[in-house]
N, C-alpha and C. Protein backbone atom coordinates (compact mmCIF):
# COMPACT_ATOMS: atom_id res chain seq x y z
N MET A 1 -17.84 -14.16 2.01
CA MET A 1 -16.72 -13.47 2.63
C MET A 1 -16.91 -11.97 2.49
N PRO A 2 -16.66 -11.23 3.56
CA PRO A 2 -16.84 -9.78 3.47
C PRO A 2 -15.75 -9.14 2.61
N THR A 3 -16.16 -8.07 1.94
CA THR A 3 -15.22 -7.27 1.17
C THR A 3 -14.73 -6.12 2.05
N PHE A 4 -13.43 -5.92 2.05
CA PHE A 4 -12.84 -4.81 2.79
C PHE A 4 -12.52 -3.69 1.81
N GLN A 5 -12.93 -2.48 2.15
CA GLN A 5 -12.62 -1.30 1.35
C GLN A 5 -11.92 -0.30 2.24
N PHE A 6 -10.85 0.28 1.72
CA PHE A 6 -10.07 1.24 2.49
C PHE A 6 -9.78 2.47 1.64
N HIS A 7 -9.74 3.62 2.30
CA HIS A 7 -9.33 4.87 1.65
C HIS A 7 -8.48 5.64 2.65
N HIS A 8 -7.33 6.09 2.20
CA HIS A 8 -6.44 6.90 3.03
C HIS A 8 -5.88 8.03 2.19
N GLU A 9 -5.66 9.17 2.82
CA GLU A 9 -4.97 10.29 2.16
C GLU A 9 -3.77 10.66 3.00
N TRP A 10 -2.63 10.71 2.35
CA TRP A 10 -1.39 11.09 3.02
C TRP A 10 -0.92 12.43 2.49
N ALA A 11 -0.76 13.42 3.36
CA ALA A 11 -0.07 14.66 3.00
C ALA A 11 1.42 14.38 3.18
N LEU A 12 2.20 14.69 2.15
CA LEU A 12 3.62 14.34 2.17
C LEU A 12 4.46 15.56 1.77
N PRO A 13 5.56 15.81 2.50
CA PRO A 13 6.40 16.97 2.23
C PRO A 13 7.42 16.71 1.11
N ALA A 14 6.92 16.49 -0.09
CA ALA A 14 7.80 16.25 -1.25
C ALA A 14 7.02 16.51 -2.52
N GLU A 15 7.76 16.76 -3.59
CA GLU A 15 7.14 16.97 -4.91
C GLU A 15 6.41 15.70 -5.35
N PRO A 16 5.31 15.85 -6.08
CA PRO A 16 4.56 14.67 -6.54
C PRO A 16 5.40 13.66 -7.32
N GLU A 17 6.35 14.13 -8.11
CA GLU A 17 7.18 13.21 -8.90
C GLU A 17 8.01 12.30 -7.99
N ARG A 18 8.53 12.86 -6.91
CA ARG A 18 9.32 12.05 -5.97
C ARG A 18 8.45 11.05 -5.24
N VAL A 19 7.25 11.48 -4.85
CA VAL A 19 6.32 10.58 -4.17
C VAL A 19 5.91 9.45 -5.12
N PHE A 20 5.58 9.81 -6.35
CA PHE A 20 5.20 8.80 -7.34
C PHE A 20 6.31 7.78 -7.52
N ASP A 21 7.55 8.26 -7.67
CA ASP A 21 8.68 7.34 -7.86
C ASP A 21 8.83 6.38 -6.69
N ALA A 22 8.68 6.90 -5.47
CA ALA A 22 8.81 6.03 -4.28
C ALA A 22 7.69 5.00 -4.24
N LEU A 23 6.47 5.41 -4.54
CA LEU A 23 5.34 4.49 -4.50
C LEU A 23 5.36 3.49 -5.65
N ALA A 24 5.94 3.86 -6.78
CA ALA A 24 6.04 2.95 -7.92
C ALA A 24 7.11 1.89 -7.72
N ASP A 25 8.07 2.14 -6.83
CA ASP A 25 9.20 1.23 -6.60
C ASP A 25 8.86 0.25 -5.47
N VAL A 26 7.97 -0.68 -5.75
CA VAL A 26 7.47 -1.61 -4.73
C VAL A 26 8.60 -2.44 -4.12
N GLU A 27 9.63 -2.73 -4.88
CA GLU A 27 10.74 -3.52 -4.35
C GLU A 27 11.43 -2.84 -3.17
N ARG A 28 11.30 -1.53 -3.05
CA ARG A 28 11.94 -0.80 -1.95
C ARG A 28 10.98 -0.52 -0.79
N TYR A 29 9.74 -0.95 -0.88
CA TYR A 29 8.79 -0.70 0.21
C TYR A 29 9.32 -1.21 1.55
N ALA A 30 9.97 -2.35 1.54
CA ALA A 30 10.47 -2.92 2.81
C ALA A 30 11.53 -2.03 3.45
N VAL A 31 12.14 -1.13 2.68
CA VAL A 31 13.14 -0.20 3.22
C VAL A 31 12.48 0.84 4.12
N TRP A 32 11.30 1.32 3.73
CA TRP A 32 10.68 2.41 4.46
C TRP A 32 9.35 2.06 5.14
N TRP A 33 8.76 0.93 4.80
CA TRP A 33 7.46 0.57 5.37
C TRP A 33 7.66 -0.64 6.27
N PRO A 34 7.67 -0.46 7.59
CA PRO A 34 8.04 -1.54 8.51
C PRO A 34 7.20 -2.82 8.38
N GLN A 35 5.94 -2.70 8.03
CA GLN A 35 5.09 -3.89 7.96
C GLN A 35 5.29 -4.68 6.66
N VAL A 36 5.94 -4.09 5.68
CA VAL A 36 6.27 -4.83 4.46
C VAL A 36 7.57 -5.56 4.75
N ARG A 37 7.46 -6.82 5.07
CA ARG A 37 8.63 -7.60 5.51
C ARG A 37 9.56 -7.94 4.35
N SER A 38 9.00 -8.12 3.15
CA SER A 38 9.83 -8.37 1.97
C SER A 38 9.03 -8.03 0.73
N ALA A 39 9.76 -7.69 -0.31
CA ALA A 39 9.16 -7.41 -1.62
C ALA A 39 10.19 -7.79 -2.67
N GLU A 40 9.79 -8.65 -3.58
CA GLU A 40 10.72 -9.09 -4.62
C GLU A 40 10.03 -9.14 -5.97
N ARG A 41 10.78 -8.83 -6.99
CA ARG A 41 10.27 -8.84 -8.36
C ARG A 41 10.16 -10.28 -8.86
N ILE A 42 9.05 -10.58 -9.51
CA ILE A 42 8.87 -11.86 -10.20
C ILE A 42 9.24 -11.68 -11.67
N ASP A 43 8.68 -10.63 -12.28
CA ASP A 43 8.97 -10.28 -13.68
C ASP A 43 8.72 -8.79 -13.84
N ASP A 44 8.68 -8.28 -15.06
CA ASP A 44 8.52 -6.85 -15.29
C ASP A 44 7.18 -6.30 -14.83
N GLU A 45 6.20 -7.15 -14.66
CA GLU A 45 4.86 -6.69 -14.30
C GLU A 45 4.39 -7.11 -12.92
N SER A 46 5.14 -7.98 -12.24
CA SER A 46 4.62 -8.50 -10.97
C SER A 46 5.72 -8.73 -9.95
N GLY A 47 5.27 -8.83 -8.69
CA GLY A 47 6.18 -9.08 -7.59
C GLY A 47 5.46 -9.76 -6.44
N ARG A 48 6.25 -10.23 -5.50
CA ARG A 48 5.73 -10.95 -4.33
C ARG A 48 6.06 -10.13 -3.08
N THR A 49 5.08 -10.00 -2.17
CA THR A 49 5.31 -9.30 -0.91
C THR A 49 4.82 -10.14 0.26
N HIS A 50 5.42 -9.89 1.40
CA HIS A 50 5.00 -10.49 2.66
C HIS A 50 4.78 -9.33 3.63
N ILE A 51 3.57 -9.25 4.18
CA ILE A 51 3.17 -8.12 5.00
C ILE A 51 2.65 -8.61 6.34
N ARG A 52 3.12 -7.96 7.40
CA ARG A 52 2.65 -8.32 8.74
C ARG A 52 2.58 -7.06 9.58
N SER A 53 1.41 -6.80 10.13
CA SER A 53 1.20 -5.66 11.01
C SER A 53 1.18 -6.19 12.44
N PHE A 54 0.28 -5.68 13.31
CA PHE A 54 0.33 -6.16 14.70
C PHE A 54 -0.41 -7.48 14.92
N LEU A 55 -1.30 -7.87 14.01
CA LEU A 55 -1.92 -9.20 14.14
C LEU A 55 -0.87 -10.28 13.86
N PRO A 56 -0.94 -11.39 14.55
CA PRO A 56 0.08 -12.44 14.36
C PRO A 56 -0.16 -13.29 13.12
N TYR A 57 -0.19 -12.61 11.96
CA TYR A 57 -0.42 -13.32 10.70
C TYR A 57 0.29 -12.56 9.58
N THR A 58 1.05 -13.27 8.78
CA THR A 58 1.73 -12.66 7.64
C THR A 58 0.92 -12.91 6.37
N LEU A 59 0.61 -11.83 5.66
CA LEU A 59 -0.09 -11.94 4.38
C LEU A 59 0.93 -12.19 3.28
N HIS A 60 0.68 -13.18 2.46
CA HIS A 60 1.53 -13.52 1.32
C HIS A 60 0.77 -13.08 0.07
N LEU A 61 1.33 -12.12 -0.66
CA LEU A 61 0.61 -11.52 -1.78
C LEU A 61 1.46 -11.50 -3.04
N VAL A 62 0.79 -11.59 -4.17
CA VAL A 62 1.41 -11.35 -5.47
C VAL A 62 0.71 -10.13 -6.05
N LEU A 63 1.49 -9.13 -6.43
CA LEU A 63 0.97 -7.89 -7.00
C LEU A 63 1.30 -7.86 -8.49
N ARG A 64 0.32 -7.50 -9.29
CA ARG A 64 0.54 -7.40 -10.74
C ARG A 64 0.11 -6.01 -11.21
N ARG A 65 1.05 -5.31 -11.83
CA ARG A 65 0.79 -3.94 -12.28
C ARG A 65 -0.33 -3.92 -13.32
N GLU A 66 -1.30 -3.03 -13.08
CA GLU A 66 -2.37 -2.78 -14.05
C GLU A 66 -2.23 -1.40 -14.67
N VAL A 67 -1.82 -0.41 -13.84
CA VAL A 67 -1.67 0.97 -14.32
C VAL A 67 -0.40 1.55 -13.71
N GLU A 68 0.41 2.18 -14.54
CA GLU A 68 1.52 3.02 -14.07
C GLU A 68 1.55 4.24 -14.99
N ASP A 69 0.77 5.25 -14.61
CA ASP A 69 0.57 6.45 -15.42
C ASP A 69 1.19 7.64 -14.70
N ARG A 70 2.44 7.91 -15.01
CA ARG A 70 3.19 8.98 -14.35
C ARG A 70 2.54 10.34 -14.57
N SER A 71 2.07 10.62 -15.78
CA SER A 71 1.52 11.94 -16.09
C SER A 71 0.27 12.26 -15.26
N ASN A 72 -0.47 11.25 -14.88
CA ASN A 72 -1.66 11.45 -14.04
C ASN A 72 -1.45 11.02 -12.59
N GLY A 73 -0.24 10.59 -12.25
CA GLY A 73 0.05 10.19 -10.87
C GLY A 73 -0.74 8.98 -10.41
N HIS A 74 -0.99 8.05 -11.31
CA HIS A 74 -1.88 6.92 -10.98
C HIS A 74 -1.12 5.60 -11.06
N LEU A 75 -1.20 4.83 -9.98
CA LEU A 75 -0.64 3.48 -9.90
C LEU A 75 -1.75 2.54 -9.45
N LYS A 76 -1.82 1.38 -10.08
CA LYS A 76 -2.81 0.39 -9.65
C LYS A 76 -2.25 -1.00 -9.86
N VAL A 77 -2.49 -1.87 -8.87
CA VAL A 77 -2.07 -3.27 -8.97
C VAL A 77 -3.24 -4.19 -8.64
N ALA A 78 -3.24 -5.35 -9.28
CA ALA A 78 -4.13 -6.45 -8.89
C ALA A 78 -3.43 -7.19 -7.77
N VAL A 79 -4.19 -7.62 -6.78
CA VAL A 79 -3.64 -8.32 -5.61
C VAL A 79 -4.20 -9.74 -5.60
N ARG A 80 -3.31 -10.70 -5.43
CA ARG A 80 -3.69 -12.11 -5.35
C ARG A 80 -2.93 -12.75 -4.19
N GLY A 81 -3.47 -13.84 -3.68
CA GLY A 81 -2.83 -14.55 -2.58
C GLY A 81 -3.77 -14.59 -1.39
N ASP A 82 -3.30 -14.19 -0.21
CA ASP A 82 -4.14 -14.16 0.98
C ASP A 82 -5.24 -13.10 0.87
N LEU A 83 -5.07 -12.14 -0.01
CA LEU A 83 -6.10 -11.17 -0.37
C LEU A 83 -6.32 -11.26 -1.87
N GLU A 84 -7.55 -11.03 -2.30
CA GLU A 84 -7.88 -10.97 -3.73
C GLU A 84 -8.57 -9.64 -3.97
N GLY A 85 -8.02 -8.85 -4.88
CA GLY A 85 -8.63 -7.56 -5.17
C GLY A 85 -7.66 -6.64 -5.88
N TRP A 86 -7.66 -5.38 -5.47
CA TRP A 86 -6.79 -4.38 -6.09
C TRP A 86 -6.47 -3.29 -5.08
N CYS A 87 -5.42 -2.55 -5.38
CA CYS A 87 -5.15 -1.32 -4.64
C CYS A 87 -4.53 -0.32 -5.60
N GLU A 88 -4.72 0.95 -5.28
CA GLU A 88 -4.19 1.99 -6.15
C GLU A 88 -3.78 3.22 -5.37
N TRP A 89 -2.85 3.95 -5.96
CA TRP A 89 -2.39 5.25 -5.46
C TRP A 89 -2.72 6.29 -6.52
N ARG A 90 -3.10 7.47 -6.06
CA ARG A 90 -3.22 8.64 -6.93
C ARG A 90 -2.45 9.76 -6.23
N VAL A 91 -1.45 10.28 -6.92
CA VAL A 91 -0.58 11.31 -6.35
C VAL A 91 -0.85 12.63 -7.05
N ARG A 92 -1.00 13.69 -6.25
CA ARG A 92 -1.23 15.02 -6.82
C ARG A 92 -0.53 16.07 -5.97
N THR A 93 -0.41 17.26 -6.54
CA THR A 93 0.15 18.38 -5.80
C THR A 93 -0.78 18.75 -4.67
N GLY A 94 -0.19 19.06 -3.51
CA GLY A 94 -0.98 19.50 -2.38
C GLY A 94 -1.52 20.90 -2.60
N GLY A 95 -2.50 21.29 -1.83
CA GLY A 95 -3.17 22.57 -2.02
C GLY A 95 -2.32 23.79 -1.76
N ASN A 96 -1.21 23.66 -1.07
CA ASN A 96 -0.40 24.82 -0.71
C ASN A 96 0.78 25.06 -1.64
N GLY A 97 0.72 24.53 -2.84
CA GLY A 97 1.78 24.82 -3.80
C GLY A 97 2.88 23.79 -3.82
N THR A 98 4.08 24.25 -4.14
CA THR A 98 5.19 23.34 -4.38
C THR A 98 5.70 22.69 -3.10
N GLY A 99 6.30 21.53 -3.29
CA GLY A 99 6.93 20.83 -2.18
C GLY A 99 6.00 20.01 -1.32
N VAL A 100 4.72 19.99 -1.64
CA VAL A 100 3.76 19.21 -0.86
C VAL A 100 2.92 18.39 -1.83
N SER A 101 2.70 17.14 -1.47
CA SER A 101 1.89 16.24 -2.28
C SER A 101 0.81 15.59 -1.43
N VAL A 102 -0.19 15.10 -2.10
CA VAL A 102 -1.21 14.25 -1.47
C VAL A 102 -1.19 12.93 -2.22
N ALA A 103 -1.07 11.85 -1.47
CA ALA A 103 -1.15 10.51 -2.05
C ALA A 103 -2.42 9.87 -1.52
N GLU A 104 -3.33 9.55 -2.41
CA GLU A 104 -4.57 8.88 -2.03
C GLU A 104 -4.44 7.39 -2.31
N PHE A 105 -4.78 6.60 -1.31
CA PHE A 105 -4.72 5.14 -1.42
C PHE A 105 -6.13 4.59 -1.34
N ASP A 106 -6.47 3.71 -2.27
CA ASP A 106 -7.74 3.00 -2.23
C ASP A 106 -7.47 1.52 -2.42
N GLN A 107 -8.23 0.72 -1.70
CA GLN A 107 -8.09 -0.73 -1.81
C GLN A 107 -9.45 -1.38 -1.64
N GLU A 108 -9.65 -2.44 -2.41
CA GLU A 108 -10.82 -3.30 -2.24
C GLU A 108 -10.32 -4.73 -2.33
N ALA A 109 -10.64 -5.51 -1.31
CA ALA A 109 -10.12 -6.88 -1.29
C ALA A 109 -11.00 -7.77 -0.42
N VAL A 110 -10.94 -9.05 -0.73
CA VAL A 110 -11.55 -10.07 0.12
C VAL A 110 -10.43 -10.98 0.60
N LEU A 111 -10.60 -11.52 1.78
CA LEU A 111 -9.66 -12.52 2.29
C LEU A 111 -9.96 -13.84 1.61
N THR A 112 -8.93 -14.55 1.20
CA THR A 112 -9.14 -15.85 0.57
C THR A 112 -9.41 -16.89 1.66
N PRO A 113 -9.86 -18.07 1.29
CA PRO A 113 -10.26 -19.07 2.30
C PRO A 113 -9.12 -19.50 3.22
N THR A 114 -8.98 -18.80 4.30
CA THR A 114 -8.03 -19.12 5.36
C THR A 114 -8.75 -18.93 6.68
N LEU A 115 -8.05 -19.13 7.75
CA LEU A 115 -8.64 -18.88 9.07
C LEU A 115 -9.12 -17.44 9.18
N LEU A 116 -8.35 -16.49 8.65
CA LEU A 116 -8.77 -15.09 8.71
C LEU A 116 -10.09 -14.88 7.97
N ALA A 117 -10.24 -15.47 6.80
CA ALA A 117 -11.47 -15.31 6.03
C ALA A 117 -12.66 -15.91 6.78
N ARG A 118 -12.45 -17.05 7.40
CA ARG A 118 -13.55 -17.72 8.12
C ARG A 118 -13.97 -16.94 9.37
N THR A 119 -13.08 -16.14 9.91
CA THR A 119 -13.41 -15.39 11.13
C THR A 119 -13.61 -13.90 10.86
N ALA A 120 -13.59 -13.47 9.59
CA ALA A 120 -13.61 -12.05 9.25
C ALA A 120 -14.84 -11.32 9.77
N ARG A 121 -15.98 -11.99 9.80
CA ARG A 121 -17.19 -11.30 10.28
C ARG A 121 -17.05 -10.90 11.75
N VAL A 122 -16.35 -11.70 12.51
CA VAL A 122 -16.17 -11.40 13.93
C VAL A 122 -14.95 -10.50 14.14
N THR A 123 -13.88 -10.77 13.42
CA THR A 123 -12.62 -10.06 13.64
C THR A 123 -12.44 -8.85 12.71
N GLY A 124 -13.46 -8.54 11.90
CA GLY A 124 -13.36 -7.43 10.96
C GLY A 124 -12.88 -6.12 11.57
N PRO A 125 -13.45 -5.67 12.71
CA PRO A 125 -12.98 -4.43 13.31
C PRO A 125 -11.49 -4.48 13.70
N LEU A 126 -11.04 -5.62 14.17
CA LEU A 126 -9.63 -5.77 14.50
C LEU A 126 -8.76 -5.70 13.25
N MET A 127 -9.24 -6.30 12.16
CA MET A 127 -8.49 -6.25 10.89
C MET A 127 -8.43 -4.83 10.35
N ARG A 128 -9.52 -4.08 10.50
CA ARG A 128 -9.52 -2.68 10.06
C ARG A 128 -8.54 -1.85 10.89
N ALA A 129 -8.51 -2.08 12.19
CA ALA A 129 -7.55 -1.37 13.05
C ALA A 129 -6.12 -1.74 12.67
N ASN A 130 -5.90 -3.01 12.39
CA ASN A 130 -4.58 -3.48 11.96
C ASN A 130 -4.15 -2.75 10.68
N HIS A 131 -5.07 -2.65 9.72
CA HIS A 131 -4.78 -1.96 8.46
C HIS A 131 -4.49 -0.47 8.70
N SER A 132 -5.30 0.18 9.53
CA SER A 132 -5.10 1.61 9.80
C SER A 132 -3.75 1.87 10.44
N TRP A 133 -3.37 1.02 11.38
CA TRP A 133 -2.06 1.18 12.03
C TRP A 133 -0.94 1.01 11.01
N MET A 134 -1.09 0.02 10.14
CA MET A 134 -0.09 -0.20 9.10
C MET A 134 0.03 1.01 8.19
N MET A 135 -1.08 1.61 7.82
CA MET A 135 -1.04 2.77 6.93
C MET A 135 -0.42 3.99 7.62
N ARG A 136 -0.72 4.21 8.89
CA ARG A 136 -0.08 5.32 9.61
C ARG A 136 1.42 5.12 9.67
N SER A 137 1.83 3.91 9.95
CA SER A 137 3.25 3.59 10.01
C SER A 137 3.91 3.74 8.64
N GLY A 138 3.21 3.33 7.59
CA GLY A 138 3.73 3.48 6.23
C GLY A 138 3.92 4.93 5.86
N ARG A 139 2.98 5.79 6.22
CA ARG A 139 3.12 7.22 5.93
C ARG A 139 4.34 7.79 6.64
N ALA A 140 4.48 7.48 7.92
CA ALA A 140 5.64 7.99 8.67
C ALA A 140 6.95 7.51 8.05
N GLY A 141 6.99 6.24 7.65
CA GLY A 141 8.19 5.70 7.03
C GLY A 141 8.49 6.37 5.70
N LEU A 142 7.45 6.66 4.92
CA LEU A 142 7.67 7.31 3.63
C LEU A 142 8.15 8.75 3.81
N VAL A 143 7.61 9.46 4.80
CA VAL A 143 8.08 10.82 5.08
C VAL A 143 9.58 10.80 5.39
N ASP A 144 10.01 9.89 6.26
CA ASP A 144 11.43 9.77 6.60
C ASP A 144 12.26 9.40 5.37
N TYR A 145 11.79 8.45 4.59
CA TYR A 145 12.50 7.99 3.39
C TYR A 145 12.67 9.14 2.39
N LEU A 146 11.62 9.91 2.17
CA LEU A 146 11.71 11.03 1.24
C LEU A 146 12.67 12.10 1.75
N ALA A 147 12.69 12.33 3.07
CA ALA A 147 13.61 13.32 3.64
C ALA A 147 15.06 12.88 3.48
N GLN A 148 15.33 11.59 3.62
CA GLN A 148 16.70 11.07 3.51
C GLN A 148 17.18 11.01 2.07
N SER A 149 16.26 10.91 1.12
CA SER A 149 16.66 10.71 -0.28
C SER A 149 16.65 12.00 -1.09
N ARG A 150 16.69 13.13 -0.43
CA ARG A 150 16.69 14.42 -1.15
C ARG A 150 17.94 14.60 -1.94
């Protein structure tokens, strides 16, 4: 099965602490990220999410916190379910001083044995486009969410 690796950088008009807080609160992702259809806490370290972008398939995932380091702006979760791997955020001050942050997202995952995994070699470019669209939409949603929660 192919491994998918993604890297995105979001410039965000908010202080790093506010961005970190929003990204650490996975239960509220469905409020601002349209493709996150639901997010619920399982226990203090893990939660369940359902994600669907433009492909007609909903990913069912369990996320387990590995790192939540506020002082370094670092969040990392293990991902299990329809994807197996990890994803992380690193939040820092933007280059132009106060009020601007950069959130870097990295992910490495494989599709578990499903129809998507069996067809990944052929449909990989479509899955990458699906992921990119989801990330653009997530950034726009987070910008709006941060503006409303000032």
